[in-house]
N, C-alpha and C. Protein backbone atom coordinates (compact mmCIF):
# COMPACT_ATOMS: atom_id res chain seq x y z
N ALA A 1 -7.81 13.28 4.36
CA ALA A 1 -6.18 13.01 3.37
C ALA A 1 -6.68 13.70 2.41
N ALA A 2 -7.99 13.69 1.66
CA ALA A 2 -7.62 15.04 0.54
C ALA A 2 -7.27 16.12 0.90
N ARG A 3 -7.67 16.46 1.96
CA ARG A 3 -7.32 17.97 1.77
C ARG A 3 -6.13 18.00 2.11
N LEU A 4 -5.06 17.06 2.74
CA LEU A 4 -4.12 17.34 2.80
C LEU A 4 -3.34 17.28 1.16
N LEU A 5 -3.59 16.44 0.90
CA LEU A 5 -3.12 16.15 -0.43
C LEU A 5 -3.33 17.55 -1.06
N ARG A 6 -4.41 17.91 -1.19
CA ARG A 6 -4.74 19.34 -2.21
C ARG A 6 -3.66 20.16 -1.72
N LYS A 7 -4.31 20.59 -0.18
CA LYS A 7 -2.75 21.64 -0.21
C LYS A 7 -1.69 21.70 -0.78
N ARG A 8 -1.08 19.70 -0.97
CA ARG A 8 0.14 19.75 -1.10
C ARG A 8 0.50 19.97 -3.06
N GLY A 9 -0.82 20.30 -3.59
CA GLY A 9 -0.74 20.39 -5.00
C GLY A 9 -1.47 19.03 -5.68
N ALA A 10 -1.68 17.91 -5.12
CA ALA A 10 -2.22 17.10 -5.72
C ALA A 10 -3.84 17.00 -6.00
N PRO A 11 -4.27 16.74 -7.56
CA PRO A 11 -5.42 17.01 -8.29
C PRO A 11 -6.23 15.85 -7.95
N VAL A 12 -7.24 15.80 -6.42
CA VAL A 12 -7.86 14.93 -6.13
C VAL A 12 -9.39 15.71 -6.92
N PRO A 13 -10.16 14.90 -6.85
CA PRO A 13 -11.05 15.43 -7.54
C PRO A 13 -12.07 15.47 -6.48
N ASP A 14 -13.25 16.16 -6.60
CA ASP A 14 -13.77 16.43 -5.22
C ASP A 14 -15.09 15.67 -4.85
N ASN A 15 -15.26 14.14 -5.95
CA ASN A 15 -15.90 13.23 -5.84
C ASN A 15 -15.21 11.90 -4.97
N PRO A 16 -15.28 11.10 -4.74
CA PRO A 16 -14.55 10.11 -4.36
C PRO A 16 -14.95 8.75 -5.90
N PRO A 17 -14.31 8.14 -6.01
CA PRO A 17 -14.58 7.15 -7.24
C PRO A 17 -15.56 6.44 -6.78
N PRO A 18 -16.37 6.21 -7.85
CA PRO A 18 -17.92 4.88 -7.78
C PRO A 18 -17.21 3.44 -7.07
N ALA A 19 -18.04 2.88 -6.08
CA ALA A 19 -17.43 1.83 -5.31
C ALA A 19 -17.19 0.52 -6.52
N GLU A 20 -17.53 0.96 -8.02
CA GLU A 20 -17.20 -0.52 -8.85
C GLU A 20 -15.49 -0.41 -9.30
N ARG A 21 -15.18 0.54 -8.77
CA ARG A 21 -13.89 1.09 -9.80
C ARG A 21 -12.50 0.76 -8.31
N LEU A 22 -13.37 0.71 -7.46
CA LEU A 22 -12.45 0.09 -6.19
C LEU A 22 -12.25 -1.59 -6.00
N LEU A 23 -11.24 -2.33 -5.69
CA LEU A 23 -10.79 -3.37 -5.57
C LEU A 23 -10.06 -4.09 -5.01
N LEU A 24 -11.06 -5.01 -4.28
CA LEU A 24 -10.47 -5.86 -2.79
C LEU A 24 -9.79 -6.88 -3.41
N VAL A 25 -8.53 -7.41 -2.65
CA VAL A 25 -7.67 -8.24 -3.33
C VAL A 25 -7.12 -9.01 -1.70
N ARG A 26 -6.99 -9.98 -1.78
CA ARG A 26 -6.48 -10.74 -0.62
C ARG A 26 -5.32 -11.69 -0.61
N ASP A 27 -4.97 -11.36 -1.66
CA ASP A 27 -3.77 -12.34 -2.37
C ASP A 27 -2.39 -12.50 -1.31
N TRP A 28 -2.44 -11.30 -0.10
CA TRP A 28 -1.09 -11.25 0.57
C TRP A 28 -1.70 -11.41 1.76
N LEU A 29 -3.15 -12.33 2.19
CA LEU A 29 -3.30 -12.38 3.40
C LEU A 29 -2.17 -13.59 4.59
N GLY A 30 -1.50 -14.51 3.43
CA GLY A 30 -1.08 -15.39 4.40
C GLY A 30 -2.18 -16.34 4.98
N ARG A 31 -1.58 -17.07 5.94
CA ARG A 31 -2.18 -17.77 6.85
C ARG A 31 -3.74 -17.37 6.94
N GLY A 32 -3.35 -15.81 7.34
CA GLY A 32 -4.75 -15.18 8.00
C GLY A 32 -4.58 -13.71 8.82
N TYR A 33 -5.55 -13.37 9.27
CA TYR A 33 -5.38 -12.09 10.18
C TYR A 33 -4.37 -12.25 11.08
N GLY A 34 -3.71 -11.72 11.59
CA GLY A 34 -2.43 -11.05 12.18
C GLY A 34 -1.07 -11.95 12.24
N TYR A 35 -1.34 -12.58 10.78
CA TYR A 35 0.31 -13.80 11.07
C TYR A 35 0.59 -12.99 9.72
N PRO A 36 2.37 -12.78 9.88
CA PRO A 36 3.04 -12.50 9.27
C PRO A 36 3.26 -13.47 8.21
N THR A 37 3.66 -12.96 6.93
CA THR A 37 4.38 -13.62 5.75
C THR A 37 5.81 -13.22 5.28
N VAL A 38 6.50 -13.76 4.70
CA VAL A 38 7.54 -14.57 4.14
C VAL A 38 7.83 -12.77 2.94
N GLN A 39 6.73 -12.98 2.21
CA GLN A 39 6.46 -11.53 1.04
C GLN A 39 6.64 -10.51 2.39
N GLY A 40 5.83 -10.32 3.54
CA GLY A 40 6.33 -9.09 4.42
C GLY A 40 7.50 -9.17 5.22
N ALA A 41 7.96 -10.16 5.66
CA ALA A 41 9.08 -10.00 6.45
C ALA A 41 9.97 -9.44 4.85
N GLN A 42 10.00 -10.19 3.73
CA GLN A 42 10.91 -8.91 2.99
C GLN A 42 10.40 -7.60 2.70
N ALA A 43 9.44 -7.25 2.75
CA ALA A 43 8.89 -5.82 2.33
C ALA A 43 9.30 -4.98 3.41
N LEU A 44 9.29 -5.22 4.68
CA LEU A 44 9.70 -4.83 6.08
C LEU A 44 11.44 -4.29 5.89
N ARG A 45 12.04 -5.29 5.72
CA ARG A 45 13.31 -5.11 5.24
C ARG A 45 14.10 -3.95 3.73
N LEU A 46 13.46 -3.75 3.01
CA LEU A 46 12.92 -3.22 1.56
C LEU A 46 13.07 -2.09 2.48
N ALA A 47 11.83 -1.70 3.36
CA ALA A 47 11.26 -0.57 3.19
C ALA A 47 12.29 -0.07 4.32
N HIS A 48 12.91 -0.32 5.28
CA HIS A 48 13.89 -0.21 6.02
C HIS A 48 15.06 0.33 5.13
N GLU A 49 15.18 -0.46 5.12
CA GLU A 49 17.04 -0.15 4.38
C GLU A 49 16.89 0.54 2.74
N LYS A 50 15.74 1.09 2.32
CA LYS A 50 15.59 2.19 0.98
C LYS A 50 15.20 3.02 1.56
N GLU A 51 14.11 3.14 2.76
CA GLU A 51 13.25 4.16 2.64
C GLU A 51 13.71 4.61 3.86
N HIS A 52 14.43 3.64 5.00
CA HIS A 52 14.81 4.22 6.51
C HIS A 52 12.76 4.57 7.54
N LEU A 53 12.28 3.49 6.43
CA LEU A 53 10.61 3.59 6.92
C LEU A 53 10.56 2.26 8.10
N GLU A 54 9.93 2.10 8.95
CA GLU A 54 9.41 1.36 10.15
C GLU A 54 8.31 0.72 10.00
N LEU A 55 8.20 -0.56 9.57
CA LEU A 55 7.29 -1.28 9.49
C LEU A 55 6.36 -2.45 10.33
N GLU A 56 5.92 -2.56 10.68
CA GLU A 56 5.78 -3.76 11.83
C GLU A 56 5.22 -4.97 11.05
N PRO A 57 5.72 -6.20 11.59
CA PRO A 57 6.13 -7.25 10.41
C PRO A 57 4.43 -7.79 10.08
N VAL A 58 3.33 -7.09 10.90
CA VAL A 58 2.04 -8.23 9.34
C VAL A 58 1.43 -6.90 8.96
N TYR A 59 0.28 -6.07 9.47
CA TYR A 59 -0.29 -5.71 8.95
C TYR A 59 0.46 -4.24 7.93
N THR A 60 1.48 -3.33 8.25
CA THR A 60 1.52 -2.29 7.43
C THR A 60 2.66 -3.22 6.17
N ALA A 61 3.74 -4.35 6.70
CA ALA A 61 4.34 -5.12 6.18
C ALA A 61 3.70 -5.80 5.46
N LYS A 62 2.85 -6.53 5.35
CA LYS A 62 1.90 -6.85 4.22
C LYS A 62 1.11 -6.26 3.31
N ALA A 63 0.70 -4.97 3.64
CA ALA A 63 0.06 -4.03 2.69
C ALA A 63 1.80 -3.42 1.92
N VAL A 64 2.79 -3.23 2.17
CA VAL A 64 3.68 -2.37 1.16
C VAL A 64 4.34 -3.97 0.36
N ALA A 65 4.03 -5.11 1.11
CA ALA A 65 4.18 -5.91 0.01
C ALA A 65 3.30 -6.44 -0.80
N ALA A 66 2.14 -6.30 -0.83
CA ALA A 66 1.09 -6.08 -2.23
C ALA A 66 1.33 -4.90 -2.78
N LEU A 67 1.73 -4.10 -2.36
CA LEU A 67 1.97 -2.41 -3.04
C LEU A 67 3.18 -3.08 -4.11
N LEU A 68 4.31 -3.58 -3.67
CA LEU A 68 5.39 -4.28 -4.74
C LEU A 68 4.82 -4.98 -5.25
N ASP A 69 4.22 -6.36 -4.85
CA ASP A 69 4.08 -6.80 -6.27
C ASP A 69 2.73 -6.43 -6.92
N LEU A 70 1.96 -5.99 -7.10
CA LEU A 70 1.42 -4.93 -8.24
C LEU A 70 1.63 -4.75 -8.57
N HIS A 71 3.21 -4.04 -7.71
CA HIS A 71 3.71 -2.57 -8.96
C HIS A 71 4.47 -3.34 -9.99
N ALA A 72 5.23 -5.14 -9.66
CA ALA A 72 6.26 -5.61 -10.38
C ALA A 72 5.26 -6.12 -11.65
N GLY A 73 4.19 -6.49 -11.44
CA GLY A 73 3.80 -7.59 -12.06
C GLY A 73 2.23 -6.64 -12.91
N GLY A 74 2.57 -4.94 -12.45
CA GLY A 74 2.20 -4.17 -13.74
C GLY A 74 0.72 -4.09 -13.47
N ARG A 75 0.13 -4.47 -12.49
CA ARG A 75 -1.15 -4.24 -12.21
C ARG A 75 -1.84 -3.08 -11.85
N LEU A 76 -1.12 -2.13 -10.86
CA LEU A 76 -1.02 -1.00 -10.28
C LEU A 76 -1.71 -0.05 -11.51
N PRO A 77 -2.55 0.73 -11.53
CA PRO A 77 -3.06 1.55 -12.86
C PRO A 77 -1.58 3.12 -12.83
N ASP A 78 -1.98 3.54 -13.90
CA ASP A 78 -1.09 4.96 -14.26
C ASP A 78 -0.96 5.80 -13.14
N GLY A 79 -0.25 6.46 -13.10
CA GLY A 79 0.35 7.21 -12.42
C GLY A 79 -0.06 6.79 -10.66
N PRO A 80 0.69 7.81 -9.52
CA PRO A 80 1.20 7.86 -8.58
C PRO A 80 -0.25 6.52 -7.81
N ALA A 81 0.60 5.94 -6.48
CA ALA A 81 -0.02 4.95 -5.59
C ALA A 81 0.03 5.56 -4.61
N LEU A 82 -0.83 5.68 -3.95
CA LEU A 82 -0.59 6.48 -2.78
C LEU A 82 -0.98 5.23 -0.88
N TYR A 83 0.19 5.24 -1.01
CA TYR A 83 0.22 4.30 0.54
C TYR A 83 -0.12 5.13 1.98
N LEU A 84 -1.01 5.04 2.31
CA LEU A 84 -0.75 5.96 3.79
C LEU A 84 -0.42 5.02 4.99
N HIS A 85 0.35 5.32 5.68
CA HIS A 85 1.05 4.91 6.68
C HIS A 85 0.46 5.32 7.93
N THR A 86 -0.30 5.07 8.97
CA THR A 86 -1.14 5.42 9.76
C THR A 86 -0.48 5.37 11.14
N ASN A 87 0.36 4.38 10.81
CA ASN A 87 0.78 3.56 12.87
C ASN A 87 -0.09 3.98 13.71
């Protein structure tokens, strides 16, 4: 991913950020692993309507719901956020 981003002009550092800069959140897990959520369903519809992005209803939809919520709450750091959709 880093090589591709650099090839496309992104200023990706050679060294990954230290582990203490990573934040693990589970706020969008809902009932648990493998179960869809209302927020995920809303994110799925929005991604399809706005970007023609097809998400599956659990994992990728929950991830996009989290990004949208983090952005709306001002909890994302300055600069771009990367969503890697591997499908």
